[in-house]
N, C-alpha and C. Protein backbone atom coordinates (compact mmCIF):
# COMPACT_ATOMS: atom_id res chain seq x y z
N MET A 1 153.67 75.81 11.18
CA MET A 1 152.94 75.16 12.26
C MET A 1 151.48 74.97 11.87
N ILE A 2 150.83 76.02 11.35
CA ILE A 2 149.43 75.92 10.95
C ILE A 2 149.28 74.99 9.76
N ILE A 3 150.28 75.01 8.86
CA ILE A 3 150.24 74.12 7.69
C ILE A 3 150.23 72.67 8.14
N ASN A 4 151.00 72.35 9.16
CA ASN A 4 151.05 70.98 9.68
C ASN A 4 149.68 70.57 10.22
N HIS A 5 148.99 71.48 10.90
CA HIS A 5 147.66 71.18 11.44
C HIS A 5 146.66 70.97 10.31
N ILE A 6 146.73 71.80 9.28
CA ILE A 6 145.81 71.67 8.15
C ILE A 6 146.04 70.34 7.43
N ILE A 7 147.31 69.99 7.21
CA ILE A 7 147.62 68.72 6.55
C ILE A 7 147.15 67.55 7.40
N PHE A 8 147.37 67.64 8.71
CA PHE A 8 146.94 66.59 9.63
C PHE A 8 145.41 66.42 9.59
N ILE A 9 144.69 67.52 9.56
CA ILE A 9 143.22 67.47 9.50
C ILE A 9 142.76 66.88 8.18
N LEU A 10 143.39 67.27 7.07
CA LEU A 10 143.02 66.74 5.76
C LEU A 10 143.30 65.24 5.65
N VAL A 11 144.43 64.80 6.16
CA VAL A 11 144.76 63.38 6.15
C VAL A 11 143.77 62.61 7.02
N GLY A 12 143.42 63.16 8.15
CA GLY A 12 142.43 62.52 9.03
C GLY A 12 141.08 62.40 8.37
N MET A 13 140.66 63.45 7.66
CA MET A 13 139.38 63.40 6.95
C MET A 13 139.42 62.36 5.83
N LEU A 14 140.55 62.27 5.14
CA LEU A 14 140.69 61.29 4.06
C LEU A 14 140.62 59.87 4.61
N ILE A 15 141.29 59.62 5.70
CA ILE A 15 141.24 58.29 6.34
C ILE A 15 139.83 57.99 6.81
N GLY A 16 139.17 58.97 7.40
CA GLY A 16 137.78 58.77 7.83
C GLY A 16 136.86 58.46 6.66
N LEU A 17 137.03 59.14 5.54
CA LEU A 17 136.22 58.89 4.36
C LEU A 17 136.47 57.49 3.81
N LEU A 18 137.72 57.07 3.78
CA LEU A 18 138.04 55.72 3.30
C LEU A 18 137.43 54.65 4.21
N ILE A 19 137.48 54.85 5.50
CA ILE A 19 136.87 53.89 6.44
C ILE A 19 135.37 53.88 6.27
N TYR A 20 134.76 55.02 6.08
CA TYR A 20 133.31 55.10 5.87
C TYR A 20 132.90 54.35 4.61
N LYS A 21 133.64 54.55 3.51
CA LYS A 21 133.33 53.87 2.26
C LYS A 21 133.50 52.36 2.39
N LYS A 22 134.48 51.93 3.16
CA LYS A 22 134.74 50.50 3.33
C LYS A 22 133.59 49.81 4.07
N PHE A 23 133.05 50.46 5.08
CA PHE A 23 132.03 49.84 5.91
C PHE A 23 130.63 50.39 5.66
N SER A 24 130.43 51.07 4.54
CA SER A 24 129.10 51.60 4.25
C SER A 24 128.17 50.46 3.88
N ALA A 25 126.92 50.79 3.62
CA ALA A 25 125.88 49.78 3.42
C ALA A 25 125.87 49.25 1.98
N ALA A 26 127.02 49.01 1.41
CA ALA A 26 127.08 48.44 0.06
C ALA A 26 126.77 46.95 0.14
N GLU A 27 126.07 46.46 -0.87
CA GLU A 27 125.72 45.04 -0.89
C GLU A 27 126.82 44.28 -1.60
N ASN A 28 127.66 43.64 -0.84
CA ASN A 28 128.78 42.88 -1.39
C ASN A 28 128.49 41.40 -1.24
N PHE A 29 127.63 40.86 -2.10
CA PHE A 29 127.33 39.44 -2.05
C PHE A 29 127.11 38.94 -3.46
N ALA A 30 127.23 37.64 -3.62
CA ALA A 30 127.01 37.01 -4.92
C ALA A 30 125.79 36.10 -4.80
N VAL A 31 125.01 36.05 -5.86
CA VAL A 31 123.85 35.16 -5.89
C VAL A 31 124.36 33.76 -6.19
N ILE A 32 124.14 32.85 -5.28
CA ILE A 32 124.65 31.49 -5.43
C ILE A 32 123.70 30.63 -6.25
N ARG A 33 122.42 30.72 -5.98
CA ARG A 33 121.46 29.86 -6.67
C ARG A 33 120.99 30.52 -7.95
N LYS A 34 120.61 29.69 -8.90
CA LYS A 34 120.08 30.19 -10.17
C LYS A 34 118.59 30.45 -10.01
N ARG A 35 118.09 31.41 -10.70
CA ARG A 35 116.68 31.75 -10.65
C ARG A 35 115.90 30.82 -11.57
N GLY A 36 114.70 30.48 -11.16
CA GLY A 36 113.85 29.61 -11.95
C GLY A 36 113.32 30.32 -13.18
N LYS A 37 112.97 29.54 -14.19
CA LYS A 37 112.46 30.10 -15.44
C LYS A 37 110.95 30.26 -15.42
N GLY A 38 110.26 29.59 -14.53
CA GLY A 38 108.80 29.61 -14.52
C GLY A 38 108.23 30.86 -13.89
N LYS A 39 106.92 30.84 -13.74
CA LYS A 39 106.21 31.97 -13.15
C LYS A 39 106.55 32.07 -11.67
N ILE A 40 106.75 33.27 -11.20
CA ILE A 40 107.06 33.50 -9.79
C ILE A 40 105.74 33.53 -9.03
N LYS A 41 105.66 32.74 -8.00
CA LYS A 41 104.46 32.71 -7.17
C LYS A 41 104.74 33.45 -5.87
N ILE A 42 103.76 34.18 -5.43
CA ILE A 42 103.86 34.88 -4.16
C ILE A 42 103.18 34.02 -3.11
N GLY A 43 103.92 33.64 -2.10
CA GLY A 43 103.35 32.81 -1.05
C GLY A 43 102.43 33.62 -0.15
N ILE A 44 101.41 32.97 0.33
CA ILE A 44 100.45 33.62 1.22
C ILE A 44 100.66 33.04 2.61
N PRO A 45 101.06 33.87 3.57
CA PRO A 45 101.28 33.36 4.92
C PRO A 45 99.98 32.86 5.54
N SER A 46 100.08 31.79 6.30
CA SER A 46 98.88 31.29 6.97
C SER A 46 98.48 32.26 8.07
N GLY A 47 97.21 32.47 8.21
CA GLY A 47 96.70 33.39 9.22
C GLY A 47 96.72 34.84 8.76
N ALA A 48 97.00 35.08 7.47
CA ALA A 48 96.99 36.45 6.96
C ALA A 48 95.56 36.94 6.86
N PRO A 49 95.33 38.23 7.06
CA PRO A 49 93.98 38.77 6.94
C PRO A 49 93.44 38.55 5.52
N GLY A 50 92.14 38.51 5.40
CA GLY A 50 91.50 38.24 4.13
C GLY A 50 91.86 39.23 3.05
N ILE A 51 92.00 40.50 3.41
CA ILE A 51 92.30 41.51 2.40
C ILE A 51 93.71 41.31 1.84
N ILE A 52 94.65 40.87 2.68
CA ILE A 52 96.01 40.59 2.21
C ILE A 52 96.01 39.36 1.31
N THR A 53 95.27 38.33 1.70
CA THR A 53 95.17 37.11 0.89
C THR A 53 94.59 37.43 -0.48
N ASP A 54 93.53 38.22 -0.52
CA ASP A 54 92.92 38.59 -1.80
C ASP A 54 93.89 39.41 -2.66
N LEU A 55 94.63 40.30 -2.03
CA LEU A 55 95.59 41.13 -2.76
C LEU A 55 96.69 40.27 -3.37
N LEU A 56 97.23 39.33 -2.60
CA LEU A 56 98.30 38.48 -3.12
C LEU A 56 97.79 37.58 -4.24
N LYS A 57 96.56 37.09 -4.13
CA LYS A 57 96.00 36.27 -5.21
C LYS A 57 95.82 37.11 -6.47
N ALA A 58 95.38 38.35 -6.32
CA ALA A 58 95.21 39.23 -7.48
C ALA A 58 96.55 39.54 -8.13
N LEU A 59 97.60 39.68 -7.33
CA LEU A 59 98.93 39.91 -7.89
C LEU A 59 99.41 38.71 -8.69
N ASN A 60 99.13 37.51 -8.21
CA ASN A 60 99.49 36.30 -8.96
C ASN A 60 98.78 36.26 -10.30
N VAL A 61 97.50 36.61 -10.31
CA VAL A 61 96.73 36.60 -11.56
C VAL A 61 97.27 37.66 -12.52
N THR A 62 97.57 38.85 -12.00
CA THR A 62 98.08 39.93 -12.84
C THR A 62 99.43 39.56 -13.44
N GLY A 63 100.30 38.98 -12.65
CA GLY A 63 101.61 38.56 -13.16
C GLY A 63 101.48 37.51 -14.24
N GLY A 64 100.58 36.57 -14.07
CA GLY A 64 100.36 35.55 -15.10
C GLY A 64 99.81 36.15 -16.37
N GLN A 65 98.93 37.12 -16.25
CA GLN A 65 98.35 37.75 -17.44
C GLN A 65 99.39 38.58 -18.18
N LEU A 66 100.27 39.26 -17.44
CA LEU A 66 101.33 40.02 -18.10
C LEU A 66 102.26 39.10 -18.88
N ASN A 67 102.53 37.94 -18.31
CA ASN A 67 103.38 36.96 -19.00
C ASN A 67 102.68 36.45 -20.26
N ALA A 68 101.39 36.20 -20.20
CA ALA A 68 100.64 35.71 -21.35
C ALA A 68 100.53 36.79 -22.43
N ASP A 69 100.42 38.04 -22.05
CA ASP A 69 100.29 39.12 -23.03
C ASP A 69 101.62 39.47 -23.71
N ALA A 70 102.73 38.99 -23.18
CA ALA A 70 104.04 39.36 -23.72
C ALA A 70 104.22 38.89 -25.15
N LYS A 71 103.53 37.83 -25.56
CA LYS A 71 103.72 37.34 -26.93
C LYS A 71 103.11 38.28 -27.96
N TYR A 72 102.26 39.20 -27.53
CA TYR A 72 101.64 40.16 -28.44
C TYR A 72 102.36 41.51 -28.44
N ASP A 73 103.54 41.58 -27.83
CA ASP A 73 104.26 42.84 -27.73
C ASP A 73 105.18 43.10 -28.92
N THR A 74 104.91 42.51 -30.06
CA THR A 74 105.75 42.73 -31.24
C THR A 74 104.99 43.63 -32.22
N VAL A 75 105.73 44.22 -33.13
CA VAL A 75 105.16 45.12 -34.12
C VAL A 75 105.09 44.38 -35.45
N ASN A 76 103.99 44.51 -36.14
CA ASN A 76 103.84 43.92 -37.46
C ASN A 76 104.70 44.70 -38.44
N THR A 77 105.77 44.07 -38.92
CA THR A 77 106.72 44.77 -39.79
C THR A 77 106.13 45.05 -41.17
N ASP A 78 105.04 44.41 -41.55
CA ASP A 78 104.40 44.69 -42.84
C ASP A 78 103.81 46.10 -42.86
N LEU A 79 103.48 46.63 -41.69
CA LEU A 79 102.87 47.94 -41.62
C LEU A 79 103.91 49.07 -41.54
N LEU A 80 105.18 48.72 -41.39
CA LEU A 80 106.22 49.73 -41.25
C LEU A 80 106.85 50.05 -42.60
N ASP A 81 107.54 51.16 -42.65
CA ASP A 81 108.25 51.58 -43.85
C ASP A 81 109.48 50.68 -44.01
N LYS A 82 109.57 49.95 -45.10
CA LYS A 82 110.65 48.97 -45.30
C LYS A 82 112.04 49.61 -45.31
N GLU A 83 112.13 50.86 -45.72
CA GLU A 83 113.44 51.53 -45.79
C GLU A 83 114.01 51.84 -44.40
N ASN A 84 113.16 51.94 -43.41
CA ASN A 84 113.61 52.32 -42.08
C ASN A 84 113.85 51.12 -41.16
N ILE A 85 113.59 49.90 -41.63
CA ILE A 85 113.80 48.71 -40.81
C ILE A 85 115.22 48.24 -41.01
N HIS A 86 115.94 48.08 -39.91
CA HIS A 86 117.35 47.64 -39.97
C HIS A 86 117.46 46.26 -39.40
């Protein structure tokens, strides 16, 4: 009799866990549009306070500078040990 109650409780917990996993906050969506290749711009909402506008403009400048600096992120292979380069 007690075994039946334990099995019933375990099956109920398993069903509850499966239902929870099914409806949890998992992101089940596909990206339909392709992302652009150019620089990402952050839009500035009209009527935004001056400090927010300045911050968003500074972020745009920083992002552009990071993109420009990326071409210098390589290592000069002449300075490396030739035996260790694969």
